[in-house]
Amino acid sequence: MRNIKVSKDRLVVAIANNRTKPNEEYSLMMSEYKKNLLDATRKMLAENDTKTSGFQTKINLTEPVNHDQEYGRVRSMLEMSVEDEITLSNDEYRQYVMDEWVWASGFELSKSMYLNNII
């Protein structure tokens, strides 16, 4: 199936429901990121305190990415639409209804690293 017509109201509900979990996970990831950043900064400062040259000045941490704006964009587009039914492609259905975005695997990897303290 290439395209499917769905109820705009049901699609808005699906987007709203799908939006909640990544936002909660992002908040947890940012909390861990901030802790790790603070720990790494303290460690770097302590190590540099005894040096006269060759200072470490970089911290290798990747900030978690918030994808909330993507859900918001889709929701806004739906709210602006005058149609009661929306035609979705297979890819759009996968993202909006099934919550399988192209960025999902990277988000899951980042989440596992931060929430399992692998960093």
N, C-alpha and C. Protein backbone atom coordinates (compact mmCIF):
# COMPACT_ATOMS: atom_id res chain seq x y z
N MET A 1 0.85 -1.17 0.00
CA MET A 1 0.00 0.00 0.00
C MET A 1 0.90 1.24 0.00
N ARG A 2 0.65 2.13 -0.92
CA ARG A 2 1.48 3.33 -1.04
C ARG A 2 0.95 4.49 -0.21
N ASN A 3 -0.34 4.71 -0.26
CA ASN A 3 -0.95 5.82 0.47
C ASN A 3 -2.18 5.33 1.22
N ILE A 4 -2.51 6.04 2.28
CA ILE A 4 -3.69 5.72 3.07
C ILE A 4 -4.32 7.02 3.55
N LYS A 5 -5.64 7.05 3.56
CA LYS A 5 -6.35 8.19 4.12
C LYS A 5 -6.68 7.87 5.56
N VAL A 6 -6.38 8.82 6.43
CA VAL A 6 -6.66 8.64 7.85
C VAL A 6 -7.43 9.84 8.37
N SER A 7 -8.13 9.62 9.44
CA SER A 7 -8.86 10.70 10.10
C SER A 7 -7.86 11.69 10.70
N LYS A 8 -8.06 12.95 10.41
CA LYS A 8 -7.15 13.97 10.96
C LYS A 8 -7.19 13.94 12.49
N ASP A 9 -8.37 13.79 13.07
CA ASP A 9 -8.49 13.77 14.53
C ASP A 9 -7.72 12.60 15.14
N ARG A 10 -7.83 11.43 14.53
CA ARG A 10 -7.10 10.26 15.04
C ARG A 10 -5.60 10.44 14.87
N LEU A 11 -5.20 11.08 13.80
CA LEU A 11 -3.78 11.33 13.57
C LEU A 11 -3.22 12.32 14.59
N VAL A 12 -3.98 13.35 14.92
CA VAL A 12 -3.56 14.31 15.95
C VAL A 12 -3.37 13.60 17.29
N VAL A 13 -4.28 12.69 17.63
CA VAL A 13 -4.16 11.93 18.87
C VAL A 13 -2.92 11.04 18.85
N ALA A 14 -2.67 10.38 17.72
CA ALA A 14 -1.49 9.52 17.60
C ALA A 14 -0.21 10.32 17.79
N ILE A 15 -0.13 11.48 17.15
CA ILE A 15 1.06 12.33 17.28
C ILE A 15 1.24 12.77 18.74
N ALA A 16 0.16 13.18 19.37
CA ALA A 16 0.24 13.63 20.77
C ALA A 16 0.70 12.50 21.68
N ASN A 17 0.15 11.31 21.48
CA ASN A 17 0.56 10.16 22.30
C ASN A 17 2.01 9.78 22.04
N ASN A 18 2.42 9.78 20.79
CA ASN A 18 3.80 9.41 20.45
C ASN A 18 4.81 10.43 20.93
N ARG A 19 4.40 11.66 21.11
CA ARG A 19 5.30 12.76 21.49
C ARG A 19 5.73 12.67 22.95
N THR A 20 4.91 12.08 23.78
CA THR A 20 5.15 12.08 25.23
C THR A 20 6.41 11.34 25.64
N LYS A 21 6.55 10.09 25.19
CA LYS A 21 7.67 9.25 25.64
C LYS A 21 9.04 9.83 25.27
N PRO A 22 9.27 10.23 24.01
CA PRO A 22 10.59 10.80 23.70
C PRO A 22 10.90 12.07 24.50
N ASN A 23 9.89 12.87 24.81
CA ASN A 23 10.12 14.07 25.61
C ASN A 23 10.55 13.72 27.03
N GLU A 24 9.91 12.72 27.61
CA GLU A 24 10.29 12.28 28.96
C GLU A 24 11.71 11.70 28.94
N GLU A 25 11.99 10.89 27.93
CA GLU A 25 13.32 10.28 27.82
C GLU A 25 14.39 11.34 27.58
N TYR A 26 14.07 12.34 26.76
CA TYR A 26 15.02 13.42 26.51
C TYR A 26 15.35 14.16 27.80
N SER A 27 14.35 14.42 28.62
CA SER A 27 14.58 15.10 29.90
C SER A 27 15.52 14.30 30.79
N LEU A 28 15.31 12.99 30.85
CA LEU A 28 16.20 12.12 31.63
C LEU A 28 17.62 12.13 31.06
N MET A 29 17.71 12.05 29.74
CA MET A 29 19.03 12.05 29.09
C MET A 29 19.76 13.37 29.36
N MET A 30 19.04 14.49 29.30
CA MET A 30 19.69 15.79 29.55
C MET A 30 20.17 15.89 30.98
N SER A 31 19.42 15.35 31.90
CA SER A 31 19.84 15.35 33.30
C SER A 31 21.15 14.59 33.46
N GLU A 32 21.24 13.41 32.84
CA GLU A 32 22.47 12.62 32.89
C GLU A 32 23.61 13.32 32.15
N TYR A 33 23.29 13.93 31.03
CA TYR A 33 24.30 14.66 30.26
C TYR A 33 24.91 15.78 31.11
N LYS A 34 24.06 16.53 31.79
CA LYS A 34 24.55 17.63 32.63
C LYS A 34 25.43 17.11 33.76
N LYS A 35 25.02 15.99 34.38
CA LYS A 35 25.84 15.39 35.45
C LYS A 35 27.21 14.98 34.90
N ASN A 36 27.19 14.29 33.74
CA ASN A 36 28.44 13.84 33.12
C ASN A 36 29.32 15.01 32.72
N LEU A 37 28.71 16.07 32.22
CA LEU A 37 29.47 17.26 31.82
C LEU A 37 30.12 17.91 33.04
N LEU A 38 29.37 18.02 34.11
CA LEU A 38 29.91 18.60 35.33
C LEU A 38 31.05 17.74 35.89
N ASP A 39 30.86 16.43 35.92
CA ASP A 39 31.92 15.52 36.39
C ASP A 39 33.17 15.63 35.53
N ALA A 40 32.99 15.65 34.22
CA ALA A 40 34.13 15.74 33.30
C ALA A 40 34.85 17.08 33.45
N THR A 41 34.10 18.13 33.67
CA THR A 41 34.70 19.46 33.86
C THR A 41 35.52 19.50 35.14
N ARG A 42 34.96 18.98 36.20
CA ARG A 42 35.69 18.94 37.48
C ARG A 42 36.98 18.12 37.36
N LYS A 43 36.87 16.97 36.69
CA LYS A 43 38.05 16.11 36.50
C LYS A 43 39.11 16.83 35.66
N MET A 44 38.68 17.48 34.59
CA MET A 44 39.61 18.20 33.73
C MET A 44 40.31 19.33 34.50
N LEU A 45 39.55 20.07 35.28
CA LEU A 45 40.13 21.16 36.07
C LEU A 45 41.13 20.63 37.10
N ALA A 46 40.79 19.53 37.73
CA ALA A 46 41.71 18.94 38.72
C ALA A 46 43.00 18.48 38.06
N GLU A 47 42.88 17.84 36.90
CA GLU A 47 44.08 17.38 36.20
C GLU A 47 44.92 18.55 35.70
N ASN A 48 44.28 19.59 35.24
CA ASN A 48 45.00 20.75 34.70
C ASN A 48 45.61 21.61 35.81
N ASP A 49 45.10 21.48 37.02
CA ASP A 49 45.57 22.31 38.13
C ASP A 49 47.04 22.07 38.44
N THR A 50 47.52 20.87 38.19
CA THR A 50 48.91 20.54 38.52
C THR A 50 49.85 20.67 37.32
N LYS A 51 49.32 21.02 36.16
CA LYS A 51 50.14 21.12 34.96
C LYS A 51 50.63 22.54 34.72
N THR A 52 51.73 22.64 33.99
CA THR A 52 52.20 23.96 33.56
C THR A 52 52.05 24.12 32.05
N SER A 53 51.79 23.01 31.36
CA SER A 53 51.53 23.05 29.92
C SER A 53 50.78 21.77 29.54
N GLY A 54 50.37 21.69 28.29
CA GLY A 54 49.66 20.50 27.82
C GLY A 54 48.30 20.34 28.46
N PHE A 55 47.62 21.45 28.62
CA PHE A 55 46.32 21.42 29.28
C PHE A 55 45.26 20.71 28.44
N GLN A 56 44.45 19.93 29.13
CA GLN A 56 43.28 19.35 28.47
C GLN A 56 42.20 20.42 28.43
N THR A 57 41.65 20.66 27.23
CA THR A 57 40.65 21.72 27.10
C THR A 57 39.36 21.25 26.45
N LYS A 58 39.30 19.98 26.10
CA LYS A 58 38.10 19.47 25.43
C LYS A 58 37.44 18.37 26.23
N ILE A 59 36.12 18.38 26.20
CA ILE A 59 35.33 17.34 26.82
C ILE A 59 34.56 16.66 25.71
N ASN A 60 34.71 15.35 25.62
CA ASN A 60 34.10 14.60 24.54
C ASN A 60 32.78 13.99 24.97
N LEU A 61 31.74 14.80 24.98
CA LEU A 61 30.38 14.35 25.29
C LEU A 61 29.45 14.85 24.19
N THR A 62 28.54 14.02 23.79
CA THR A 62 27.57 14.40 22.77
C THR A 62 26.26 14.75 23.46
N GLU A 63 25.80 15.96 23.20
CA GLU A 63 24.55 16.40 23.80
C GLU A 63 23.37 15.66 23.16
N PRO A 64 22.44 15.18 23.99
CA PRO A 64 21.26 14.52 23.44
C PRO A 64 20.47 15.48 22.53
N VAL A 65 19.79 14.90 21.55
CA VAL A 65 19.02 15.70 20.59
C VAL A 65 17.54 15.60 20.92
N ASN A 66 16.89 16.74 20.97
CA ASN A 66 15.46 16.80 21.22
C ASN A 66 14.72 16.84 19.88
N HIS A 67 13.84 15.89 19.67
CA HIS A 67 13.09 15.81 18.41
C HIS A 67 11.66 16.32 18.55
N ASP A 68 11.38 17.01 19.63
CA ASP A 68 10.03 17.50 19.88
C ASP A 68 9.52 18.41 18.76
N GLN A 69 10.41 19.18 18.16
CA GLN A 69 9.99 20.10 17.10
C GLN A 69 9.42 19.37 15.90
N GLU A 70 9.85 18.14 15.67
CA GLU A 70 9.31 17.37 14.54
C GLU A 70 7.86 16.96 14.80
N TYR A 71 7.58 16.54 16.02
CA TYR A 71 6.20 16.25 16.38
C TYR A 71 5.36 17.52 16.32
N GLY A 72 5.92 18.61 16.81
CA GLY A 72 5.21 19.89 16.81
C GLY A 72 4.91 20.38 15.41
N ARG A 73 5.84 20.19 14.49
CA ARG A 73 5.62 20.62 13.11
C ARG A 73 4.47 19.85 12.48
N VAL A 74 4.46 18.53 12.68
CA VAL A 74 3.39 17.71 12.12
C VAL A 74 2.05 18.11 12.74
N ARG A 75 2.04 18.29 14.05
CA ARG A 75 0.79 18.69 14.73
C ARG A 75 0.30 20.02 14.22
N SER A 76 1.19 20.97 14.05
CA SER A 76 0.82 22.29 13.54
C SER A 76 0.26 22.20 12.13
N MET A 77 0.89 21.39 11.30
CA MET A 77 0.39 21.22 9.93
C MET A 77 -1.01 20.62 9.94
N LEU A 78 -1.23 19.65 10.82
CA LEU A 78 -2.55 19.04 10.90
C LEU A 78 -3.60 20.05 11.39
N GLU A 79 -3.23 20.86 12.36
CA GLU A 79 -4.17 21.85 12.88
C GLU A 79 -4.51 22.91 11.84
N MET A 80 -3.57 23.19 10.94
CA MET A 80 -3.82 24.19 9.89
C MET A 80 -4.59 23.61 8.70
N SER A 81 -4.62 22.31 8.58
CA SER A 81 -5.29 21.67 7.45
C SER A 81 -6.80 21.83 7.55
N VAL A 82 -7.43 22.09 6.43
CA VAL A 82 -8.89 22.21 6.39
C VAL A 82 -9.54 20.87 6.07
N GLU A 83 -8.74 19.86 5.82
CA GLU A 83 -9.25 18.53 5.48
C GLU A 83 -9.59 17.74 6.74
N ASP A 84 -10.63 16.92 6.65
CA ASP A 84 -10.98 16.01 7.75
C ASP A 84 -10.23 14.69 7.63
N GLU A 85 -9.79 14.38 6.42
CA GLU A 85 -9.00 13.18 6.17
C GLU A 85 -7.66 13.59 5.58
N ILE A 86 -6.62 12.92 6.01
CA ILE A 86 -5.26 13.24 5.57
C ILE A 86 -4.71 12.00 4.85
N THR A 87 -4.11 12.23 3.70
CA THR A 87 -3.48 11.14 2.96
C THR A 87 -2.01 11.05 3.38
N LEU A 88 -1.65 9.86 3.84
CA LEU A 88 -0.27 9.62 4.28
C LEU A 88 0.40 8.60 3.38
N SER A 89 1.66 8.84 3.09
CA SER A 89 2.47 7.85 2.40
C SER A 89 2.86 6.76 3.40
N ASN A 90 3.43 5.69 2.90
CA ASN A 90 3.90 4.61 3.75
C ASN A 90 4.91 5.13 4.78
N ASP A 91 5.85 5.96 4.34
CA ASP A 91 6.86 6.52 5.25
C ASP A 91 6.25 7.45 6.28
N GLU A 92 5.31 8.28 5.85
CA GLU A 92 4.65 9.19 6.80
C GLU A 92 3.86 8.39 7.83
N TYR A 93 3.16 7.36 7.40
CA TYR A 93 2.40 6.52 8.33
C TYR A 93 3.34 5.87 9.35
N ARG A 94 4.47 5.37 8.86
CA ARG A 94 5.46 4.74 9.74
C ARG A 94 5.93 5.73 10.81
N GLN A 95 6.17 6.96 10.42
CA GLN A 95 6.66 7.96 11.37
C GLN A 95 5.55 8.45 12.29
N TYR A 96 4.45 8.93 11.72
CA TYR A 96 3.42 9.62 12.50
C TYR A 96 2.56 8.68 13.34
N VAL A 97 2.26 7.50 12.83
CA VAL A 97 1.37 6.59 13.54
C VAL A 97 2.16 5.53 14.30
N MET A 98 3.13 4.91 13.64
CA MET A 98 3.90 3.85 14.26
C MET A 98 5.06 4.39 15.11
N ASP A 99 5.35 5.68 14.98
CA ASP A 99 6.42 6.35 15.72
C ASP A 99 7.80 5.76 15.42
N GLU A 100 8.01 5.43 14.14
CA GLU A 100 9.28 4.86 13.67
C GLU A 100 9.96 5.89 12.77
N TRP A 101 10.59 6.86 13.39
CA TRP A 101 11.25 7.95 12.67
C TRP A 101 12.65 7.51 12.22
N VAL A 102 13.20 8.18 11.23
CA VAL A 102 14.54 7.84 10.75
C VAL A 102 15.60 8.05 11.83
N TRP A 103 15.34 8.94 12.76
CA TRP A 103 16.30 9.25 13.81
C TRP A 103 16.16 8.33 15.02
N ALA A 104 15.18 7.43 15.02
CA ALA A 104 14.86 6.64 16.22
C ALA A 104 16.02 5.76 16.69
N SER A 105 16.75 5.13 15.78
CA SER A 105 17.83 4.24 16.21
C SER A 105 18.95 5.03 16.89
N GLY A 106 19.27 6.20 16.36
CA GLY A 106 20.28 7.05 17.00
C GLY A 106 19.83 7.54 18.36
N PHE A 107 18.55 7.86 18.46
CA PHE A 107 17.99 8.31 19.73
C PHE A 107 18.06 7.19 20.76
N GLU A 108 17.72 5.96 20.35
CA GLU A 108 17.77 4.81 21.26
C GLU A 108 19.20 4.53 21.72
N LEU A 109 20.15 4.65 20.82
CA LEU A 109 21.55 4.44 21.18
C LEU A 109 22.00 5.48 22.20
N SER A 110 21.68 6.72 21.93
CA SER A 110 22.02 7.81 22.86
C SER A 110 21.36 7.59 24.21
N LYS A 111 20.10 7.20 24.19
CA LYS A 111 19.36 6.96 25.43
C LYS A 111 20.01 5.85 26.23
N SER A 112 20.37 4.75 25.57
CA SER A 112 20.97 3.64 26.30
C SER A 112 22.32 4.04 26.89
N MET A 113 23.07 4.87 26.18
CA MET A 113 24.37 5.31 26.69
C MET A 113 24.21 6.18 27.93
N TYR A 114 23.27 7.12 27.89
CA TYR A 114 23.10 8.02 29.03
C TYR A 114 22.38 7.37 30.20
N LEU A 115 21.33 6.62 29.92
CA LEU A 115 20.53 6.06 31.02
C LEU A 115 21.14 4.82 31.62
N ASN A 116 22.11 4.20 30.93
CA ASN A 116 22.81 3.06 31.50
C ASN A 116 24.21 3.44 31.94
N ASN A 117 24.49 4.75 31.97
CA ASN A 117 25.78 5.29 32.42
C ASN A 117 26.97 4.66 31.73
N ILE A 118 26.86 4.51 30.41
CA ILE A 118 27.96 3.97 29.61
C ILE A 118 28.95 5.07 29.26
N ILE A 119 28.54 6.30 29.35
CA ILE A 119 29.36 7.44 28.95
C ILE A 119 30.50 7.61 29.94
